[in-house]
């Protein structure tokens, strides 16, 4: 049960970071700074802008973060080395979030349109 809660929390956090209106200003700032043309700074902010616009990329880092701060499914359930489990937790979060987001997007694209006259 704990792993399901962890996976859904990873999806929620990733969804808020990528699509949430609360972070729209920050995402726009990263994008504008990345496109500014300043030699070293623009490359870094372009990377961050690309990262927070991709569910798979963001969820990997969310998995790393959640593993460090909250709970590590690989470490607790399998007993994997703590440092190796951080890596695999990121991969677990990325895979789950990518699959779950794909299902959500499929339903959004294929929902019935009731506005047809």
PDB file of N, CA and C in Angstrom:
ATOM      1  N   UNK A   1       0.823  -1.197   0.000  1.00  0.00           N
ATOM      2  CA  UNK A   1       0.000   0.000   0.000  1.00  0.00           C
ATOM      3  C   UNK A   1       0.867   1.261   0.000  1.00  0.00           C
ATOM      4  N   UNK A   2       1.979   1.203   0.739  1.00  0.00           N
ATOM      5  CA  UNK A   2       2.854   2.366   0.823  1.00  0.00           C
ATOM      6  C   UNK A   2       3.458   2.704  -0.543  1.00  0.00           C
ATOM      7  N   UNK A   3       3.785   1.669  -1.323  1.00  0.00           N
ATOM      8  CA  UNK A   3       4.381   1.927  -2.633  1.00  0.00           C
ATOM      9  C   UNK A   3       3.369   2.584  -3.569  1.00  0.00           C
ATOM     10  N   UNK A   4       2.090   2.209  -3.467  1.00  0.00           N
ATOM     11  CA  UNK A   4       1.055   2.836  -4.295  1.00  0.00           C
ATOM     12  C   UNK A   4       0.907   4.315  -3.943  1.00  0.00           C
ATOM     13  N   UNK A   5       0.918   4.621  -2.664  1.00  0.00           N
ATOM     14  CA  UNK A   5       0.839   6.019  -2.223  1.00  0.00           C
ATOM     15  C   UNK A   5       2.053   6.788  -2.727  1.00  0.00           C
ATOM     16  N   UNK A   6       3.242   6.175  -2.643  1.00  0.00           N
ATOM     17  CA  UNK A   6       4.469   6.808  -3.119  1.00  0.00           C
ATOM     18  C   UNK A   6       4.391   7.088  -4.617  1.00  0.00           C
ATOM     19  N   UNK A   7       3.895   6.110  -5.389  1.00  0.00           N
ATOM     20  CA  UNK A   7       3.782   6.281  -6.842  1.00  0.00           C
ATOM     21  C   UNK A   7       2.773   7.359  -7.204  1.00  0.00           C
ATOM     22  N   UNK A   8       1.642   7.375  -6.526  1.00  0.00           N
ATOM     23  CA  UNK A   8       0.642   8.414  -6.809  1.00  0.00           C
ATOM     24  C   UNK A   8       1.138   9.794  -6.390  1.00  0.00           C
ATOM     25  N   UNK A   9       1.902   9.862  -5.315  1.00  0.00           N
ATOM     26  CA  UNK A   9       2.498  11.145  -4.910  1.00  0.00           C
ATOM     27  C   UNK A   9       3.508  11.613  -5.949  1.00  0.00           C
ATOM     28  N   UNK A  10       4.283  10.686  -6.504  1.00  0.00           N
ATOM     29  CA  UNK A  10       5.239  11.042  -7.562  1.00  0.00           C
ATOM     30  C   UNK A  10       4.501  11.567  -8.780  1.00  0.00           C
ATOM     31  N   UNK A  11       3.382  10.935  -9.140  1.00  0.00           N
ATOM     32  CA  UNK A  11       2.583  11.421 -10.266  1.00  0.00           C
ATOM     33  C   UNK A  11       2.027  12.808  -9.972  1.00  0.00           C
ATOM     34  N   UNK A  12       1.494  12.986  -8.780  1.00  0.00           N
ATOM     35  CA  UNK A  12       0.917  14.284  -8.417  1.00  0.00           C
ATOM     36  C   UNK A  12       1.944  15.402  -8.442  1.00  0.00           C
ATOM     37  N   UNK A  13       3.113  15.144  -7.861  1.00  0.00           N
ATOM     38  CA  UNK A  13       4.154  16.165  -7.837  1.00  0.00           C
ATOM     39  C   UNK A  13       4.641  16.483  -9.253  1.00  0.00           C
ATOM     40  N   UNK A  14       4.825  15.457 -10.061  1.00  0.00           N
ATOM     41  CA  UNK A  14       5.280  15.663 -11.444  1.00  0.00           C
ATOM     42  C   UNK A  14       4.234  16.419 -12.241  1.00  0.00           C
ATOM     43  N   UNK A  15       2.976  16.062 -12.064  1.00  0.00           N
ATOM     44  CA  UNK A  15       1.890  16.719 -12.785  1.00  0.00           C
ATOM     45  C   UNK A  15       1.806  18.200 -12.433  1.00  0.00           C
ATOM     46  N   UNK A  16       1.967  18.513 -11.163  1.00  0.00           N
ATOM     47  CA  UNK A  16       1.936  19.917 -10.732  1.00  0.00           C
ATOM     48  C   UNK A  16       3.123  20.682 -11.302  1.00  0.00           C
ATOM     49  N   UNK A  17       4.315  20.087 -11.281  1.00  0.00           N
ATOM     50  CA  UNK A  17       5.496  20.776 -11.793  1.00  0.00           C
ATOM     51  C   UNK A  17       5.422  21.012 -13.298  1.00  0.00           C
ATOM     52  N   UNK A  18       4.863  20.056 -14.049  1.00  0.00           N
ATOM     53  CA  UNK A  18       4.844  20.161 -15.503  1.00  0.00           C
ATOM     54  C   UNK A  18       3.633  20.950 -16.007  1.00  0.00           C
ATOM     55  N   UNK A  19       2.456  20.726 -15.427  1.00  0.00           N
ATOM     56  CA  UNK A  19       1.229  21.322 -15.949  1.00  0.00           C
ATOM     57  C   UNK A  19       0.576  22.345 -15.034  1.00  0.00           C
ATOM     58  N   UNK A  20       0.955  22.416 -13.779  1.00  0.00           N
ATOM     59  CA  UNK A  20       0.273  23.279 -12.821  1.00  0.00           C
ATOM     60  C   UNK A  20       0.426  24.759 -13.113  1.00  0.00           C
ATOM     61  N   UNK A  21      -0.671  25.471 -12.997  1.00  0.00           N
ATOM     62  CA  UNK A  21      -0.632  26.910 -13.270  1.00  0.00           C
ATOM     63  C   UNK A  21       0.182  27.664 -12.221  1.00  0.00           C
ATOM     64  N   UNK A  22       0.322  27.095 -11.033  1.00  0.00           N
ATOM     65  CA  UNK A  22       1.090  27.755  -9.978  1.00  0.00           C
ATOM     66  C   UNK A  22       2.570  27.894 -10.356  1.00  0.00           C
ATOM     67  N   UNK A  23       3.080  26.988 -11.192  1.00  0.00           N
ATOM     68  CA  UNK A  23       4.477  27.034 -11.611  1.00  0.00           C
ATOM     69  C   UNK A  23       4.654  27.590 -13.031  1.00  0.00           C
ATOM     70  N   UNK A  24       3.584  28.100 -13.643  1.00  0.00           N
ATOM     71  CA  UNK A  24       3.677  28.606 -15.008  1.00  0.00           C
ATOM     72  C   UNK A  24       4.674  29.755 -15.116  1.00  0.00           C
ATOM     73  N   UNK A  25       4.663  30.667 -14.169  1.00  0.00           N
ATOM     74  CA  UNK A  25       5.594  31.792 -14.201  1.00  0.00           C
ATOM     75  C   UNK A  25       7.046  31.341 -14.105  1.00  0.00           C
ATOM     76  N   UNK A  26       7.308  30.367 -13.256  1.00  0.00           N
ATOM     77  CA  UNK A  26       8.674  29.850 -13.113  1.00  0.00           C
ATOM     78  C   UNK A  26       9.102  29.131 -14.387  1.00  0.00           C
ATOM     79  N   UNK A  27       8.193  28.323 -14.970  1.00  0.00           N
ATOM     80  CA  UNK A  27       8.522  27.630 -16.227  1.00  0.00           C
ATOM     81  C   UNK A  27       8.800  28.633 -17.349  1.00  0.00           C
ATOM     82  N   UNK A  28       7.989  29.693 -17.419  1.00  0.00           N
ATOM     83  CA  UNK A  28       8.213  30.730 -18.431  1.00  0.00           C
ATOM     84  C   UNK A  28       9.545  31.439 -18.207  1.00  0.00           C
ATOM     85  N   UNK A  29       9.884  31.708 -16.954  1.00  0.00           N
ATOM     86  CA  UNK A  29      11.146  32.367 -16.642  1.00  0.00           C
ATOM     87  C   UNK A  29      12.326  31.493 -17.053  1.00  0.00           C
ATOM     88  N   UNK A  30      12.268  30.179 -16.755  1.00  0.00           N
ATOM     89  CA  UNK A  30      13.322  29.262 -17.191  1.00  0.00           C
ATOM     90  C   UNK A  30      13.450  29.264 -18.712  1.00  0.00           C
ATOM     91  N   UNK A  31      12.314  29.252 -19.400  1.00  0.00           N
ATOM     92  CA  UNK A  31      12.327  29.235 -20.866  1.00  0.00           C
ATOM     93  C   UNK A  31      12.914  30.526 -21.423  1.00  0.00           C
ATOM     94  N   UNK A  32      12.484  31.670 -20.909  1.00  0.00           N
ATOM     95  CA  UNK A  32      12.995  32.960 -21.389  1.00  0.00           C
ATOM     96  C   UNK A  32      14.480  33.122 -21.092  1.00  0.00           C
ATOM     97  N   UNK A  33      14.912  32.696 -19.918  1.00  0.00           N
ATOM     98  CA  UNK A  33      16.333  32.778 -19.572  1.00  0.00           C
ATOM     99  C   UNK A  33      17.144  31.833 -20.433  1.00  0.00           C
ATOM    100  N   UNK A  34      16.591  30.671 -20.730  1.00  0.00           N
ATOM    101  CA  UNK A  34      17.263  29.710 -21.605  1.00  0.00           C
ATOM    102  C   UNK A  34      17.409  30.218 -23.022  1.00  0.00           C
ATOM    103  N   UNK A  35      16.489  31.051 -23.463  1.00  0.00           N
ATOM    104  CA  UNK A  35      16.543  31.610 -24.812  1.00  0.00           C
ATOM    105  C   UNK A  35      17.253  32.959 -24.872  1.00  0.00           C
ATOM    106  N   UNK A  36      17.848  33.392 -23.761  1.00  0.00           N
ATOM    107  CA  UNK A  36      18.459  34.724 -23.698  1.00  0.00           C
ATOM    108  C   UNK A  36      19.775  34.834 -24.460  1.00  0.00           C
ATOM    109  N   UNK A  37      20.472  33.730 -24.624  1.00  0.00           N
ATOM    110  CA  UNK A  37      21.741  33.754 -25.358  1.00  0.00           C
ATOM    111  C   UNK A  37      22.955  34.044 -24.496  1.00  0.00           C
ATOM    112  N   UNK A  38      22.795  34.162 -23.190  1.00  0.00           N
ATOM    113  CA  UNK A  38      23.938  34.356 -22.294  1.00  0.00           C
ATOM    114  C   UNK A  38      24.742  33.046 -22.280  1.00  0.00           C
ATOM    115  N   UNK A  39      26.054  33.096 -22.521  1.00  0.00           N
ATOM    116  CA  UNK A  39      26.841  31.882 -22.791  1.00  0.00           C
ATOM    117  C   UNK A  39      26.588  30.667 -21.892  1.00  0.00           C
ATOM    118  N   UNK A  40      26.915  30.684 -20.658  1.00  0.00           N
ATOM    119  CA  UNK A  40      26.791  29.495 -19.816  1.00  0.00           C
ATOM    120  C   UNK A  40      25.400  29.392 -19.192  1.00  0.00           C
ATOM    121  N   UNK A  41      24.861  30.519 -18.819  1.00  0.00           N
ATOM    122  CA  UNK A  41      23.585  30.551 -18.107  1.00  0.00           C
ATOM    123  C   UNK A  41      22.440  30.054 -18.983  1.00  0.00           C
ATOM    124  N   UNK A  42      22.414  30.462 -20.243  1.00  0.00           N
ATOM    125  CA  UNK A  42      21.286  30.080 -21.088  1.00  0.00           C
ATOM    126  C   UNK A  42      21.243  28.574 -21.337  1.00  0.00           C
ATOM    127  N   UNK A  43      22.390  27.926 -21.429  1.00  0.00           N
ATOM    128  CA  UNK A  43      22.401  26.468 -21.616  1.00  0.00           C
ATOM    129  C   UNK A  43      21.815  25.752 -20.408  1.00  0.00           C
ATOM    130  N   UNK A  44      22.190  26.190 -19.210  1.00  0.00           N
ATOM    131  CA  UNK A  44      21.671  25.579 -17.986  1.00  0.00           C
ATOM    132  C   UNK A  44      20.161  25.760 -17.881  1.00  0.00           C
ATOM    133  N   UNK A  45      19.679  26.979 -18.117  1.00  0.00           N
ATOM    134  CA  UNK A  45      18.248  27.236 -17.997  1.00  0.00           C
ATOM    135  C   UNK A  45      17.452  26.596 -19.128  1.00  0.00           C
ATOM    136  N   UNK A  46      18.058  26.411 -20.284  1.00  0.00           N
ATOM    137  CA  UNK A  46      17.409  25.661 -21.373  1.00  0.00           C
ATOM    138  C   UNK A  46      17.212  24.215 -20.941  1.00  0.00           C
ATOM    139  N   UNK A  47      18.234  23.635 -20.282  1.00  0.00           N
ATOM    140  CA  UNK A  47      18.135  22.278 -19.760  1.00  0.00           C
ATOM    141  C   UNK A  47      17.011  22.175 -18.734  1.00  0.00           C
ATOM    142  N   UNK A  48      16.957  23.110 -17.803  1.00  0.00           N
ATOM    143  CA  UNK A  48      15.911  23.098 -16.768  1.00  0.00           C
ATOM    144  C   UNK A  48      14.535  23.287 -17.408  1.00  0.00           C
ATOM    145  N   UNK A  49      14.437  24.174 -18.396  1.00  0.00           N
ATOM    146  CA  UNK A  49      13.171  24.394 -19.085  1.00  0.00           C
ATOM    147  C   UNK A  49      12.698  23.128 -19.785  1.00  0.00           C
ATOM    148  N   UNK A  50      13.606  22.433 -20.452  1.00  0.00           N
ATOM    149  CA  UNK A  50      13.243  21.169 -21.102  1.00  0.00           C
ATOM    150  C   UNK A  50      12.849  20.116 -20.070  1.00  0.00           C
ATOM    151  N   UNK A  51      13.536  20.111 -18.948  1.00  0.00           N
ATOM    152  CA  UNK A  51      13.264  19.127 -17.901  1.00  0.00           C
ATOM    153  C   UNK A  51      11.861  19.301 -17.333  1.00  0.00           C
ATOM    154  N   UNK A  52      11.451  20.525 -17.036  1.00  0.00           N
ATOM    155  CA  UNK A  52      10.140  20.737 -16.421  1.00  0.00           C
ATOM    156  C   UNK A  52       9.001  20.783 -17.430  1.00  0.00           C
ATOM    157  N   UNK A  53       9.289  20.512 -18.689  1.00  0.00           N
ATOM    158  CA  UNK A  53       8.216  20.411 -19.676  1.00  0.00           C
ATOM    159  C   UNK A  53       7.984  18.964 -20.105  1.00  0.00           C
ATOM    160  N   UNK A  54       8.674  18.027 -19.491  1.00  0.00           N
ATOM    161  CA  UNK A  54       8.606  16.612 -19.855  1.00  0.00           C
ATOM    162  C   UNK A  54       8.210  15.797 -18.625  1.00  0.00           C
ATOM    163  N   UNK A  55       7.099  15.069 -18.708  1.00  0.00           N
ATOM    164  CA  UNK A  55       6.649  14.281 -17.563  1.00  0.00           C
ATOM    165  C   UNK A  55       7.649  13.190 -17.190  1.00  0.00           C
ATOM    166  N   UNK A  56       8.244  12.544 -18.182  1.00  0.00           N
ATOM    167  CA  UNK A  56       9.186  11.468 -17.895  1.00  0.00           C
ATOM    168  C   UNK A  56      10.450  12.014 -17.221  1.00  0.00           C
ATOM    169  N   UNK A  57      10.941  13.140 -17.706  1.00  0.00           N
ATOM    170  CA  UNK A  57      12.159  13.733 -17.146  1.00  0.00           C
ATOM    171  C   UNK A  57      11.920  14.246 -15.736  1.00  0.00           C
ATOM    172  N   UNK A  58      10.842  14.983 -15.556  1.00  0.00           N
ATOM    173  CA  UNK A  58      10.535  15.549 -14.252  1.00  0.00           C
ATOM    174  C   UNK A  58      10.301  14.460 -13.220  1.00  0.00           C
ATOM    175  N   UNK A  59       9.576  13.410 -13.609  1.00  0.00           N
ATOM    176  CA  UNK A  59       9.256  12.354 -12.647  1.00  0.00           C
ATOM    177  C   UNK A  59      10.497  11.577 -12.215  1.00  0.00           C
ATOM    178  N   UNK A  60      11.510  11.508 -13.059  1.00  0.00           N
ATOM    179  CA  UNK A  60      12.762  10.865 -12.657  1.00  0.00           C
ATOM    180  C   UNK A  60      13.374  11.615 -11.481  1.00  0.00           C
ATOM    181  N   UNK A  61      13.456  12.934 -11.610  1.00  0.00           N
ATOM    182  CA  UNK A  61      14.038  13.749 -10.543  1.00  0.00           C
ATOM    183  C   UNK A  61      13.130  13.806  -9.321  1.00  0.00           C
ATOM    184  N   UNK A  62      11.823  13.754  -9.543  1.00  0.00           N
ATOM    185  CA  UNK A  62      10.894  13.677  -8.415  1.00  0.00           C
ATOM    186  C   UNK A  62      11.122  12.375  -7.652  1.00  0.00           C
ATOM    187  N   UNK A  63      11.349  11.283  -8.369  1.00  0.00           N
ATOM    188  CA  UNK A  63      11.636  10.004  -7.729  1.00  0.00           C
ATOM    189  C   UNK A  63      12.918  10.048  -6.914  1.00  0.00           C
ATOM    190  N   UNK A  64      13.956  10.678  -7.470  1.00  0.00           N
ATOM    191  CA  UNK A  64      15.201  10.844  -6.706  1.00  0.00           C
ATOM    192  C   UNK A  64      14.931  11.626  -5.418  1.00  0.00           C
ATOM    193  N   UNK A  65      14.212  12.740  -5.555  1.00  0.00           N
ATOM    194  CA  UNK A  65      13.922  13.608  -4.415  1.00  0.00           C
ATOM    195  C   UNK A  65      13.103  12.885  -3.352  1.00  0.00           C
ATOM    196  N   UNK A  66      12.039  12.202  -3.777  1.00  0.00           N
ATOM    197  CA  UNK A  66      11.178  11.505  -2.822  1.00  0.00           C
ATOM    198  C   UNK A  66      11.925  10.362  -2.126  1.00  0.00           C
ATOM    199  N   UNK A  67      12.838   9.734  -2.851  1.00  0.00           N
ATOM    200  CA  UNK A  67      13.635   8.666  -2.259  1.00  0.00           C
ATOM    201  C   UNK A  67      14.550   9.200  -1.169  1.00  0.00           C
ATOM    202  N   UNK A  68      15.113  10.376  -1.411  1.00  0.00           N
ATOM    203  CA  UNK A  68      15.997  10.983  -0.418  1.00  0.00           C
ATOM    204  C   UNK A  68      15.247  11.526   0.793  1.00  0.00           C
ATOM    205  N   UNK A  69      14.089  12.120   0.550  1.00  0.00           N
ATOM    206  CA  UNK A  69      13.387  12.853   1.594  1.00  0.00           C
ATOM    207  C   UNK A  69      12.352  12.015   2.337  1.00  0.00           C
ATOM    208  N   UNK A  70      11.602  11.201   1.626  1.00  0.00           N
ATOM    209  CA  UNK A  70      10.441  10.567   2.244  1.00  0.00           C
ATOM    210  C   UNK A  70      10.574   9.062   2.448  1.00  0.00           C
ATOM    211  N   UNK A  71      10.692   8.320   1.359  1.00  0.00           N
ATOM    212  CA  UNK A  71      10.578   6.868   1.432  1.00  0.00           C
ATOM    213  C   UNK A  71      11.232   6.282   0.196  1.00  0.00           C
ATOM    214  N   UNK A  72      11.874   5.157   0.365  1.00  0.00           N
ATOM    215  CA  UNK A  72      12.516   4.482  -0.756  1.00  0.00           C
ATOM    216  C   UNK A  72      11.931   3.086  -0.928  1.00  0.00           C
ATOM    217  N   UNK A  73      11.068   2.885  -1.927  1.00  0.00           N
ATOM    218  CA  UNK A  73      10.480   1.555  -2.124  1.00  0.00           C
ATOM    219  C   UNK A  73      11.525   0.460  -2.348  1.00  0.00           C
ATOM    220  N   UNK A  74      12.536   0.724  -3.152  1.00  0.00           N
ATOM    221  CA  UNK A  74      13.544  -0.299  -3.426  1.00  0.00           C
ATOM    222  C   UNK A  74      14.333  -0.657  -2.170  1.00  0.00           C
ATOM    223  N   UNK A  75      14.629   0.322  -1.347  1.00  0.00           N
ATOM    224  CA  UNK A  75      15.399   0.066  -0.130  1.00  0.00           C
ATOM    225  C   UNK A  75      14.556  -0.667   0.921  1.00  0.00           C
ATOM    226  N   UNK A  76      13.315  -0.251   1.092  1.00  0.00           N
ATOM    227  CA  UNK A  76      12.464  -0.823   2.133  1.00  0.00           C
ATOM    228  C   UNK A  76      11.938  -2.210   1.771  1.00  0.00           C
ATOM    229  N   UNK A  77      11.524  -2.411   0.544  1.00  0.00           N
ATOM    230  CA  UNK A  77      10.891  -3.671   0.156  1.00  0.00           C
ATOM    231  C   UNK A  77      11.920  -4.730  -0.224  1.00  0.00           C
ATOM    232  N   UNK A  78      12.896  -4.362  -1.014  1.00  0.00           N
ATOM    233  CA  UNK A  78      13.870  -5.326  -1.522  1.00  0.00           C
ATOM    234  C   UNK A  78      15.134  -5.349  -0.680  1.00  0.00           C
ATOM    235  N   UNK A  79      15.426  -4.267   0.022  1.00  0.00           N
ATOM    236  CA  UNK A  79      16.626  -4.197   0.835  1.00  0.00           C
ATOM    237  C   UNK A  79      17.862  -3.832   0.027  1.00  0.00           C
ATOM    238  N   UNK A  80      17.639  -3.157  -1.079  1.00  0.00           N
ATOM    239  CA  UNK A  80      18.739  -2.727  -1.939  1.00  0.00           C
ATOM    240  C   UNK A  80      19.573  -1.669  -1.227  1.00  0.00           C
ATOM    241  N   UNK A  81      20.836  -1.574  -1.603  1.00  0.00           N
ATOM    242  CA  UNK A  81      21.742  -0.561  -1.073  1.00  0.00           C
ATOM    243  C   UNK A  81      21.066   0.811  -1.156  1.00  0.00           C
ATOM    244  N   UNK A  82      21.237   1.609  -0.120  1.00  0.00           N
ATOM    245  CA  UNK A  82      20.552   2.901  -0.044  1.00  0.00           C
ATOM    246  C   UNK A  82      20.889   3.809  -1.225  1.00  0.00           C
ATOM    247  N   UNK A  83      22.142   3.846  -1.636  1.00  0.00           N
ATOM    248  CA  UNK A  83      22.541   4.733  -2.730  1.00  0.00           C
ATOM    249  C   UNK A  83      22.060   4.214  -4.082  1.00  0.00           C
ATOM    250  N   UNK A  84      22.110   2.928  -4.288  1.00  0.00           N
ATOM    251  CA  UNK A  84      21.604   2.346  -5.537  1.00  0.00           C
ATOM    252  C   UNK A  84      20.090   2.482  -5.603  1.00  0.00           C
ATOM    253  N   UNK A  85      19.425   2.382  -4.465  1.00  0.00           N
ATOM    254  CA  UNK A  85      17.965   2.474  -4.459  1.00  0.00           C
ATOM    255  C   UNK A  85      17.481   3.859  -4.886  1.00  0.00           C
ATOM    256  N   UNK A  86      18.256   4.898  -4.626  1.00  0.00           N
ATOM    257  CA  UNK A  86      17.869   6.242  -5.073  1.00  0.00           C
ATOM    258  C   UNK A  86      17.749   6.275  -6.584  1.00  0.00           C
ATOM    259  N   UNK A  87      18.724   5.687  -7.268  1.00  0.00           N
ATOM    260  CA  UNK A  87      18.690   5.625  -8.735  1.00  0.00           C
ATOM    261  C   UNK A  87      17.467   4.845  -9.215  1.00  0.00           C
ATOM    262  N   UNK A  88      17.250   3.659  -8.651  1.00  0.00           N
ATOM    263  CA  UNK A  88      16.138   2.829  -9.098  1.00  0.00           C
ATOM    264  C   UNK A  88      14.776   3.409  -8.711  1.00  0.00           C
ATOM    265  N   UNK A  89      14.714   4.160  -7.626  1.00  0.00           N
ATOM    266  CA  UNK A  89      13.468   4.845  -7.280  1.00  0.00           C
ATOM    267  C   UNK A  89      13.125   5.900  -8.329  1.00  0.00           C
ATOM    268  N   UNK A  90      14.141   6.598  -8.836  1.00  0.00           N
ATOM    269  CA  UNK A  90      13.906   7.555  -9.914  1.00  0.00           C
ATOM    270  C   UNK A  90      13.383   6.878 -11.161  1.00  0.00           C
ATOM    271  N   UNK A  91      13.934   5.705 -11.471  1.00  0.00           N
ATOM    272  CA  UNK A  91      13.478   4.963 -12.647  1.00  0.00           C
ATOM    273  C   UNK A  91      12.055   4.422 -12.442  1.00  0.00           C
ATOM    274  N   UNK A  92      11.771   3.961 -11.223  1.00  0.00           N
ATOM    275  CA  UNK A  92      10.428   3.467 -10.900  1.00  0.00           C
ATOM    276  C   UNK A  92       9.399   4.583 -11.038  1.00  0.00           C
ATOM    277  N   UNK A  93       9.706   5.740 -10.487  1.00  0.00           N
ATOM    278  CA  UNK A  93       8.789   6.879 -10.579  1.00  0.00           C
ATOM    279  C   UNK A  93       8.594   7.294 -12.030  1.00  0.00           C
ATOM    280  N   UNK A  94       9.665   7.341 -12.794  1.00  0.00           N
ATOM    281  CA  UNK A  94       9.578   7.742 -14.190  1.00  0.00           C
ATOM    282  C   UNK A  94       8.704   6.782 -14.997  1.00  0.00           C
ATOM    283  N   UNK A  95       8.920   5.493 -14.822  1.00  0.00           N
ATOM    284  CA  UNK A  95       8.132   4.506 -15.550  1.00  0.00           C
ATOM    285  C   UNK A  95       6.666   4.544 -15.191  1.00  0.00           C
ATOM    286  N   UNK A  96       6.373   4.619 -13.899  1.00  0.00           N
ATOM    287  CA  UNK A  96       4.972   4.663 -13.483  1.00  0.00           C
ATOM    288  C   UNK A  96       4.289   5.937 -13.954  1.00  0.00           C
ATOM    289  N   UNK A  97       4.938   7.064 -13.740  1.00  0.00           N
ATOM    290  CA  UNK A  97       4.334   8.343 -14.122  1.00  0.00           C
ATOM    291  C   UNK A  97       4.132   8.409 -15.626  1.00  0.00           C
ATOM    292  N   UNK A  98       5.084   7.922 -16.401  1.00  0.00           N
ATOM    293  CA  UNK A  98       4.951   7.921 -17.856  1.00  0.00           C
ATOM    294  C   UNK A  98       3.757   7.065 -18.284  1.00  0.00           C
ATOM    295  N   UNK A  99       3.624   5.865 -17.716  1.00  0.00           N
ATOM    296  CA  UNK A  99       2.516   4.979 -18.073  1.00  0.00           C
ATOM    297  C   UNK A  99       1.175   5.561 -17.617  1.00  0.00           C
ATOM    298  N   UNK A 100       1.113   6.046 -16.383  1.00  0.00           N
ATOM    299  CA  UNK A 100      -0.128   6.594 -15.857  1.00  0.00           C
ATOM    300  C   UNK A 100      -0.538   7.850 -16.623  1.00  0.00           C
ATOM    301  N   UNK A 101       0.428   8.693 -16.954  1.00  0.00           N
ATOM    302  CA  UNK A 101       0.142   9.900 -17.723  1.00  0.00           C
ATOM    303  C   UNK A 101      -0.340   9.537 -19.133  1.00  0.00           C
ATOM    304  N   UNK A 102       0.224   8.486 -19.717  1.00  0.00           N
ATOM    305  CA  UNK A 102      -0.237   8.028 -21.031  1.00  0.00           C
ATOM    306  C   UNK A 102      -1.690   7.591 -21.000  1.00  0.00           C
ATOM    307  N   UNK A 103      -2.085   6.899 -19.936  1.00  0.00           N
ATOM    308  CA  UNK A 103      -3.482   6.474 -19.792  1.00  0.00           C
ATOM    309  C   UNK A 103      -4.391   7.685 -19.629  1.00  0.00           C
ATOM    310  N   UNK A 104      -3.980   8.632 -18.791  1.00  0.00           N
ATOM    311  CA  UNK A 104      -4.775   9.847 -18.577  1.00  0.00           C
ATOM    312  C   UNK A 104      -4.918  10.624 -19.879  1.00  0.00           C
ATOM    313  N   UNK A 105      -3.837  10.784 -20.624  1.00  0.00           N
ATOM    314  CA  UNK A 105      -3.904  11.511 -21.901  1.00  0.00           C
ATOM    315  C   UNK A 105      -4.770  10.784 -22.915  1.00  0.00           C
ATOM    316  N   UNK A 106      -4.744   9.449 -22.926  1.00  0.00           N
ATOM    317  CA  UNK A 106      -5.591   8.692 -23.853  1.00  0.00           C
ATOM    318  C   UNK A 106      -7.059   8.965 -23.558  1.00  0.00           C
ATOM    319  N   UNK A 107      -7.428   8.957 -22.279  1.00  0.00           N
ATOM    320  CA  UNK A 107      -8.813   9.244 -21.919  1.00  0.00           C
ATOM    321  C   UNK A 107      -9.192  10.684 -22.237  1.00  0.00           C
ATOM    322  N   UNK A 108      -8.270  11.620 -22.093  1.00  0.00           N
ATOM    323  CA  UNK A 108      -8.565  13.013 -22.427  1.00  0.00           C
ATOM    324  C   UNK A 108      -8.803  13.186 -23.918  1.00  0.00           C
ATOM    325  N   UNK A 109      -8.045  12.491 -24.747  1.00  0.00           N
ATOM    326  CA  UNK A 109      -8.190  12.602 -26.191  1.00  0.00           C
ATOM    327  C   UNK A 109      -9.413  11.859 -26.711  1.00  0.00           C
ATOM    328  N   UNK A 110      -9.843  10.814 -26.041  1.00  0.00           N
ATOM    329  CA  UNK A 110     -10.926   9.961 -26.535  1.00  0.00           C
ATOM    330  C   UNK A 110     -12.231  10.090 -25.763  1.00  0.00           C
ATOM    331  N   UNK A 111     -12.374  11.166 -25.005  1.00  0.00           N
ATOM    332  CA  UNK A 111     -13.631  11.364 -24.302  1.00  0.00           C
ATOM    333  C   UNK A 111     -14.701  11.813 -25.296  1.00  0.00           C
ATOM    334  N   UNK A 112     -15.931  11.455 -25.033  1.00  0.00           N
ATOM    335  CA  UNK A 112     -17.003  11.839 -25.961  1.00  0.00           C
ATOM    336  C   UNK A 112     -17.217  13.345 -25.983  1.00  0.00           C
ATOM    337  N   UNK A 113     -17.514  13.852 -27.154  1.00  0.00           N
ATOM    338  CA  UNK A 113     -17.768  15.274 -27.336  1.00  0.00           C
ATOM    339  C   UNK A 113     -19.269  15.475 -27.342  1.00  0.00           C
ATOM    340  N   UNK A 114     -19.810  16.098 -26.314  1.00  0.00           N
ATOM    341  CA  UNK A 114     -21.261  16.304 -26.188  1.00  0.00           C
ATOM    342  C   UNK A 114     -21.722  17.584 -26.862  1.00  0.00           C
ATOM    343  N   UNK A 115     -20.815  18.326 -27.486  1.00  0.00           N
ATOM    344  CA  UNK A 115     -21.175  19.600 -28.109  1.00  0.00           C
ATOM    345  C   UNK A 115     -21.518  19.467 -29.582  1.00  0.00           C
ATOM    346  N   UNK A 116     -21.663  18.236 -30.077  1.00  0.00           N
ATOM    347  CA  UNK A 116     -21.962  18.021 -31.498  1.00  0.00           C
ATOM    348  C   UNK A 116     -23.441  18.330 -31.731  1.00  0.00           C
ATOM    349  N   UNK A 117     -23.713  19.156 -32.752  1.00  0.00           N
ATOM    350  CA  UNK A 117     -25.096  19.529 -33.064  1.00  0.00           C
ATOM    351  C   UNK A 117     -25.644  18.692 -34.169  1.00  0.00           C
TER     352      UNK A 117
END
